[in-house]
C-alpha atoms as a PDB file:
ATOM      1  CA  MET A   1      93.392  85.407 105.840  1.00  0.00           C
ATOM      2  CA  ALA A   2      95.463  87.720 107.705  1.00  0.00           C
ATOM      3  CA  ALA A   3      97.750  90.173 106.847  1.00  0.00           C
ATOM      4  CA  ALA A   4     101.411  89.922 106.880  1.00  0.00           C
ATOM      5  CA  ARG A   5     103.074  92.042 109.336  1.00  0.00           C
ATOM      6  CA  PRO A   6     104.978  94.387 108.245  1.00  0.00           C
ATOM      7  CA  ILE A   7     108.699  93.816 108.967  1.00  0.00           C
ATOM      8  CA  ARG A   8     111.174  96.874 108.305  1.00  0.00           C
ATOM      9  CA  ARG A   9     110.330 100.567 107.406  1.00  0.00           C
ATOM     10  CA  SER A  10     111.172 102.032 104.124  1.00  0.00           C
ATOM     11  CA  PRO A  11     109.758 104.741 101.869  1.00  0.00           C
ATOM     12  CA  ASP A  12     110.972 103.368  98.634  1.00  0.00           C
ATOM     13  CA  GLU A  13     110.439  99.473  99.022  1.00  0.00           C
ATOM     14  CA  SER A  14     106.994  97.592  98.934  1.00  0.00           C
ATOM     15  CA  ILE A  15     105.758  95.090 101.617  1.00  0.00           C
ATOM     16  CA  ARG A  16     103.368  91.955 100.967  1.00  0.00           C
ATOM     17  CA  MET A  17     100.505  92.867 103.046  1.00  0.00           C
ATOM     18  CA  PHE A  18      98.183  89.703 102.710  1.00  0.00           C
ATOM     19  CA  GLU A  19      98.910  85.734 102.701  1.00  0.00           C
ATOM     20  CA  ALA A  20      96.814  84.962 100.200  1.00  0.00           C
ATOM     21  CA  ASP A  21      98.121  85.894  96.510  1.00  0.00           C
ATOM     22  CA  TRP A  22      94.961  87.040  95.079  1.00  0.00           C
ATOM     23  CA  MET A  23      94.083  89.284  98.508  1.00  0.00           C
ATOM     24  CA  GLU A  24      97.979  90.902  97.881  1.00  0.00           C
ATOM     25  CA  ALA A  25      97.213  91.169  93.956  1.00  0.00           C
ATOM     26  CA  LEU A  26      93.894  93.500  94.937  1.00  0.00           C
ATOM     27  CA  SER A  27      96.053  95.740  96.661  1.00  0.00           C
ATOM     28  CA  LYS A  28      98.506  96.760  94.282  1.00  0.00           C
ATOM     29  CA  ILE A  29      97.473  98.772  91.144  1.00  0.00           C
ATOM     30  CA  PRO A  30      99.209 101.197  88.511  1.00  0.00           C
ATOM     31  CA  PHE A  31      98.258 104.862  88.927  1.00  0.00           C
ATOM     32  CA  TRP A  32      96.051 105.475  85.994  1.00  0.00           C
ATOM     33  CA  VAL A  33      93.585 102.404  86.727  1.00  0.00           C
ATOM     34  CA  PRO A  34      91.521 105.054  88.435  1.00  0.00           C
ATOM     35  CA  MET A  35      91.193 107.187  85.585  1.00  0.00           C
ATOM     36  CA  ALA A  36      90.419 104.401  83.150  1.00  0.00           C
ATOM     37  CA  LEU A  37      87.364 103.575  85.271  1.00  0.00           C
ATOM     38  CA  TYR A  38      85.883 106.820  86.692  1.00  0.00           C
ATOM     39  CA  LEU A  39      86.672 109.255  83.850  1.00  0.00           C
ATOM     40  CA  PRO A  40      84.134 106.997  81.358  1.00  0.00           C
ATOM     41  CA  LEU A  41      81.684 106.756  84.075  1.00  0.00           C
ATOM     42  CA  PHE A  42      81.711 110.657  84.604  1.00  0.00           C
ATOM     43  CA  ALA A  43      81.470 110.921  80.584  1.00  0.00           C
ATOM     44  CA  TRP A  44      78.613 109.057  81.231  1.00  0.00           C
ATOM     45  CA  MET A  45      76.903 110.912  83.541  1.00  0.00           C
ATOM     46  CA  THR A  46      77.361 114.060  81.948  1.00  0.00           C
ATOM     47  CA  TRP A  47      75.799 112.651  79.164  1.00  0.00           C
ATOM     48  CA  THR A  48      72.995 111.789  81.111  1.00  0.00           C
ATOM     49  CA  ALA A  49      72.243 114.873  82.996  1.00  0.00           C
ATOM     50  CA  PHE A  50      72.454 116.755  79.748  1.00  0.00           C
ATOM     51  CA  ALA A  51      69.730 114.267  78.394  1.00  0.00           C
ATOM     52  CA  GLY A  52      68.014 114.552  80.900  1.00  0.00           C
ATOM     53  CA  GLY A  53      67.720 118.857  80.102  1.00  0.00           C
ATOM     54  CA  ILE A  54      70.307 120.413  82.468  1.00  0.00           C
ATOM     55  CA  THR A  55      71.111 123.637  81.491  1.00  0.00           C
ATOM     56  CA  VAL A  56      75.216 124.552  81.146  1.00  0.00           C
ATOM     57  CA  LEU A  57      74.788 127.057  83.873  1.00  0.00           C
ATOM     58  CA  GLY A  58      73.157 124.179  85.706  1.00  0.00           C
ATOM     59  CA  TRP A  59      75.480 121.874  85.215  1.00  0.00           C
ATOM     60  CA  ILE A  60      78.457 123.872  86.246  1.00  0.00           C
ATOM     61  CA  ALA A  61      77.126 124.644  88.867  1.00  0.00           C
ATOM     62  CA  ALA A  62      75.999 121.531  90.353  1.00  0.00           C
ATOM     63  CA  PHE A  63      79.415 119.930  88.953  1.00  0.00           C
ATOM     64  CA  ALA A  64      81.043 122.941  91.353  1.00  0.00           C
ATOM     65  CA  GLY A  65      78.911 121.552  94.309  1.00  0.00           C
ATOM     66  CA  GLY A  66      79.976 118.052  93.628  1.00  0.00           C
ATOM     67  CA  LEU A  67      83.704 118.911  93.732  1.00  0.00           C
ATOM     68  CA  ALA A  68      83.569 120.699  96.697  1.00  0.00           C
ATOM     69  CA  ILE A  69      81.646 117.918  98.221  1.00  0.00           C
ATOM     70  CA  TRP A  70      84.960 115.862  97.810  1.00  0.00           C
ATOM     71  CA  THR A  71      87.247 118.261  99.041  1.00  0.00           C
ATOM     72  CA  ALA A  72      85.257 117.851 102.186  1.00  0.00           C
ATOM     73  CA  THR A  73      85.042 114.034 102.074  1.00  0.00           C
ATOM     74  CA  GLU A  74      88.589 113.579 101.145  1.00  0.00           C
ATOM     75  CA  TYR A  75      89.678 115.765 104.526  1.00  0.00           C
ATOM     76  CA  PHE A  76      87.556 114.058 106.704  1.00  0.00           C
ATOM     77  CA  LEU A  77      87.959 110.573 105.217  1.00  0.00           C
ATOM     78  CA  HIS A  78      91.384 111.078 105.827  1.00  0.00           C
ATOM     79  CA  ARG A  79      91.562 112.654 109.294  1.00  0.00           C
ATOM     80  CA  PHE A  80      89.086 110.732 110.843  1.00  0.00           C
ATOM     81  CA  LEU A  81      88.852 107.591 109.274  1.00  0.00           C
ATOM     82  CA  PHE A  82      92.477 106.278 107.847  1.00  0.00           C
ATOM     83  CA  HIS A  83      94.406 108.291 110.843  1.00  0.00           C
ATOM     84  CA  TRP A  84      92.276 106.329 113.333  1.00  0.00           C
ATOM     85  CA  THR A  85      93.027 103.172 114.675  1.00  0.00           C
ATOM     86  CA  PRO A  86      90.628 100.565 116.318  1.00  0.00           C
ATOM     87  CA  PRO A  87      91.196  99.137 119.440  1.00  0.00           C
ATOM     88  CA  GLY A  88      93.344  96.029 120.509  1.00  0.00           C
ATOM     89  CA  LYS A  89      95.289  93.917 117.750  1.00  0.00           C
ATOM     90  CA  ILE A  90      93.059  93.556 115.267  1.00  0.00           C
ATOM     91  CA  GLY A  91      92.393  96.889 115.066  1.00  0.00           C
ATOM     92  CA  GLU A  92      96.149  97.507 114.448  1.00  0.00           C
ATOM     93  CA  ARG A  93      95.714  95.232 111.356  1.00  0.00           C
ATOM     94  CA  ILE A  94      92.996  96.935 110.385  1.00  0.00           C
ATOM     95  CA  HIS A  95      94.940 100.606 110.141  1.00  0.00           C
ATOM     96  CA  PHE A  96      97.521  99.123 109.045  1.00  0.00           C
ATOM     97  CA  ILE A  97      95.875  98.062 105.773  1.00  0.00           C
ATOM     98  CA  TRP A  98      94.134 101.074 105.187  1.00  0.00           C
ATOM     99  CA  HIS A  99      96.411 103.610 105.738  1.00  0.00           C
ATOM    100  CA  GLY A 100      99.306 102.629 107.973  1.00  0.00           C
ATOM    101  CA  VAL A 101     100.990 100.765 105.061  1.00  0.00           C
ATOM    102  CA  HIS A 102     101.219 104.028 103.333  1.00  0.00           C
ATOM    103  CA  HIS A 103     103.064 105.807 105.669  1.00  0.00           C
ATOM    104  CA  ASP A 104     105.397 102.963 106.146  1.00  0.00           C
ATOM    105  CA  HIS A 105     106.048 103.187 102.365  1.00  0.00           C
ATOM    106  CA  PRO A 106     104.999 105.962 101.237  1.00  0.00           C
ATOM    107  CA  ASN A 107     106.386 105.638  97.690  1.00  0.00           C
ATOM    108  CA  ASP A 108     105.976 102.420  97.157  1.00  0.00           C
ATOM    109  CA  ARG A 109     104.206 102.632  93.419  1.00  0.00           C
ATOM    110  CA  LEU A 110     101.363 100.086  93.416  1.00  0.00           C
ATOM    111  CA  ARG A 111      99.618 101.385  96.733  1.00  0.00           C
ATOM    112  CA  LEU A 112      99.296 105.376  95.633  1.00  0.00           C
ATOM    113  CA  VAL A 113      95.712 105.270  94.716  1.00  0.00           C
ATOM    114  CA  MET A 114      92.837 103.525  95.822  1.00  0.00           C
ATOM    115  CA  PRO A 115      92.625  99.943  94.304  1.00  0.00           C
ATOM    116  CA  PRO A 116      88.819  99.263  92.935  1.00  0.00           C
ATOM    117  CA  SER A 117      87.764  96.513  95.576  1.00  0.00           C
ATOM    118  CA  VAL A 118      87.610  99.667  97.251  1.00  0.00           C
ATOM    119  CA  SER A 119      86.586 102.608  95.740  1.00  0.00           C
ATOM    120  CA  LEU A 120      84.037 100.903  93.716  1.00  0.00           C
ATOM    121  CA  PRO A 121      82.230  99.896  96.843  1.00  0.00           C
ATOM    122  CA  LEU A 122      82.602 103.311  98.231  1.00  0.00           C
ATOM    123  CA  ALA A 123      81.797 105.046  94.884  1.00  0.00           C
ATOM    124  CA  TYR A 124      78.329 103.193  94.661  1.00  0.00           C
ATOM    125  CA  GLY A 125      77.903 103.919  98.673  1.00  0.00           C
ATOM    126  CA  PHE A 126      78.533 107.975  98.384  1.00  0.00           C
ATOM    127  CA  TYR A 127      76.051 107.586  95.102  1.00  0.00           C
ATOM    128  CA  SER A 128      73.149 106.148  97.089  1.00  0.00           C
ATOM    129  CA  LEU A 129      74.020 108.959  99.250  1.00  0.00           C
ATOM    130  CA  PHE A 130      73.570 111.744  96.590  1.00  0.00           C
ATOM    131  CA  ALA A 131      70.777 110.033  95.195  1.00  0.00           C
ATOM    132  CA  LEU A 132      68.617 110.699  98.832  1.00  0.00           C
ATOM    133  CA  ALA A 133      69.724 114.223  98.709  1.00  0.00           C
ATOM    134  CA  PHE A 134      69.896 115.165  94.334  1.00  0.00           C
ATOM    135  CA  THR A 135      66.836 113.749  92.110  1.00  0.00           C
ATOM    136  CA  GLY A 136      67.242 114.302  88.169  1.00  0.00           C
ATOM    137  CA  PRO A 137      70.001 115.462  86.234  1.00  0.00           C
ATOM    138  CA  ALA A 138      71.348 117.458  88.804  1.00  0.00           C
ATOM    139  CA  LEU A 139      72.303 114.206  90.951  1.00  0.00           C
ATOM    140  CA  PHE A 140      74.058 112.785  87.671  1.00  0.00           C
ATOM    141  CA  ALA A 141      76.281 116.430  87.530  1.00  0.00           C
ATOM    142  CA  VAL A 142      76.915 116.695  91.367  1.00  0.00           C
ATOM    143  CA  PHE A 143      77.829 112.745  91.523  1.00  0.00           C
ATOM    144  CA  GLY A 144      79.962 113.623  88.465  1.00  0.00           C
ATOM    145  CA  GLY A 145      81.772 116.499  90.126  1.00  0.00           C
ATOM    146  CA  PHE A 146      82.622 114.284  93.248  1.00  0.00           C
ATOM    147  CA  ILE A 147      83.912 112.006  90.688  1.00  0.00           C
ATOM    148  CA  ILE A 148      86.388 114.001  89.271  1.00  0.00           C
ATOM    149  CA  GLY A 149      87.451 115.313  92.532  1.00  0.00           C
ATOM    150  CA  TYR A 150      88.320 111.701  93.304  1.00  0.00           C
ATOM    151  CA  VAL A 151      90.179 110.983  90.150  1.00  0.00           C
ATOM    152  CA  ILE A 152      92.188 114.722  90.830  1.00  0.00           C
ATOM    153  CA  TYR A 153      93.027 113.541  94.452  1.00  0.00           C
ATOM    154  CA  ASP A 154      94.158 109.943  93.729  1.00  0.00           C
ATOM    155  CA  THR A 155      96.063 111.069  90.622  1.00  0.00           C
ATOM    156  CA  LEU A 156      97.439 113.971  92.143  1.00  0.00           C
ATOM    157  CA  HIS A 157      98.672 112.049  95.272  1.00  0.00           C
ATOM    158  CA  TYR A 158     100.949 109.851  92.994  1.00  0.00           C
ATOM    159  CA  ALA A 159     102.551 112.676  91.246  1.00  0.00           C
ATOM    160  CA  LEU A 160     103.166 114.708  94.933  1.00  0.00           C
ATOM    161  CA  HIS A 161     104.982 110.856  95.674  1.00  0.00           C
ATOM    162  CA  HIS A 162     106.685 110.646  92.547  1.00  0.00           C
ATOM    163  CA  HIS A 163     107.003 113.746  90.197  1.00  0.00           C
ATOM    164  CA  ALA A 164     109.146 116.574  91.351  1.00  0.00           C
ATOM    165  CA  TRP A 165     107.697 119.164  88.706  1.00  0.00           C
ATOM    166  CA  GLN A 166     108.826 123.074  88.997  1.00  0.00           C
ATOM    167  CA  GLN A 167     105.057 124.507  88.875  1.00  0.00           C
ATOM    168  CA  PRO A 168     104.659 126.724  92.028  1.00  0.00           C
ATOM    169  CA  LEU A 169     101.469 125.546  92.746  1.00  0.00           C
ATOM    170  CA  PHE A 170     102.608 121.230  92.537  1.00  0.00           C
ATOM    171  CA  LYS A 171     105.563 122.616  94.724  1.00  0.00           C
ATOM    172  CA  LYS A 172     103.451 124.311  97.307  1.00  0.00           C
ATOM    173  CA  LEU A 173     100.888 121.056  97.347  1.00  0.00           C
ATOM    174  CA  LYS A 174     104.260 118.692  97.677  1.00  0.00           C
ATOM    175  CA  VAL A 175     105.499 120.943 100.756  1.00  0.00           C
ATOM    176  CA  HIS A 176     102.201 120.490 102.006  1.00  0.00           C
ATOM    177  CA  HIS A 177     101.664 116.415 101.850  1.00  0.00           C
ATOM    178  CA  MET A 178     105.642 115.685 102.563  1.00  0.00           C
ATOM    179  CA  GLN A 179     105.231 117.510 106.151  1.00  0.00           C
ATOM    180  CA  HIS A 180     102.148 115.390 106.926  1.00  0.00           C
ATOM    181  CA  HIS A 181     103.763 112.023 105.763  1.00  0.00           C
ATOM    182  CA  PHE A 182     107.660 113.228 107.224  1.00  0.00           C
ATOM    183  CA  VAL A 183     107.444 115.961 109.635  1.00  0.00           C
ATOM    184  CA  ASN A 184     104.016 116.180 111.199  1.00  0.00           C
ATOM    185  CA  GLY A 185     101.422 113.310 110.624  1.00  0.00           C
ATOM    186  CA  THR A 186      98.313 115.394 112.510  1.00  0.00           C
ATOM    187  CA  THR A 187      98.295 117.841 109.969  1.00  0.00           C
ATOM    188  CA  GLY A 188      97.823 118.434 106.320  1.00  0.00           C
ATOM    189  CA  TYR A 189      94.816 116.030 105.620  1.00  0.00           C
ATOM    190  CA  GLY A 190      94.026 117.544 102.708  1.00  0.00           C
ATOM    191  CA  VAL A 191      96.163 116.151  99.325  1.00  0.00           C
ATOM    192  CA  SER A 192      94.470 117.847  96.580  1.00  0.00           C
ATOM    193  CA  SER A 193      93.815 120.923  98.333  1.00  0.00           C
ATOM    194  CA  PRO A 194      94.819 122.771 101.593  1.00  0.00           C
ATOM    195  CA  LEU A 195      91.267 124.231 101.943  1.00  0.00           C
ATOM    196  CA  TRP A 196      90.041 122.484 104.504  1.00  0.00           C
ATOM    197  CA  ASP A 197      93.335 122.672 106.772  1.00  0.00           C
ATOM    198  CA  TRP A 198      93.039 125.848 106.641  1.00  0.00           C
ATOM    199  CA  ILE A 199      89.536 125.826 108.139  1.00  0.00           C
ATOM    200  CA  MET A 200      89.597 123.074 110.271  1.00  0.00           C
ATOM    201  CA  GLY A 201      93.147 124.678 111.574  1.00  0.00           C
ATOM    202  CA  THR A 202      95.554 121.293 110.700  1.00  0.00           C
ATOM    203  CA  ARG A 203      97.759 123.407 108.327  1.00  0.00           C
ATOM    204  CA  ARG A 204     101.305 123.352 109.486  1.00  0.00           C
ATOM    205  CA  VAL A 205     103.269 126.587 108.147  1.00  0.00           C
ATOM    206  CA  VAL A 206     106.659 126.105 107.486  1.00  0.00           C
ATOM    207  CA  ALA A 207     109.464 129.225 108.380  1.00  0.00           C
ATOM    208  CA  LYS A 208     110.805 130.548 105.563  1.00  0.00           C
ATOM    209  CA  GLY A 209     115.101 130.812 105.767  1.00  0.00           C
END
């Protein structure tokens, strides 16, 4: 079923994306759904890693590695997939569905985290890739770190659009992300961290005053 064309740009309002009601329903979820899905999975993977004999230091190292892998994944997916428009009218529609709608309606409360219809297949795909590189309890610890990175990303993304906390680090991340939306969409691809924007030279520094 074809996706509905956007009818206007608005930072605050939502828009219908699909003609079919079931597809439209699958495209909208509240911000807490990724936490409800993936935190229990993380807990199970952590238990499985320790049950498999991993040491505390080994788990910390593997968890940190998975978290680091997530930061790179977040950046490169956002920059090279979400901001890539395939050729033709169909390509434009695909781009609108997977990311363009967020830039047209950045404060849509029900389209700020990834729906399970997308995130679950992606999670399985990434787990399959991790299983090629890691074995035993290390696999569960590394992928657990990756999952936590994803949950932080999705939850923080929602907060950046809908909260105005005065904590200094949060304020810096919010400025960084709002620049991406409203100043220069070719910078600020990192959401939960500007690390890879620093490394890849896509961090825009705002002059003070």
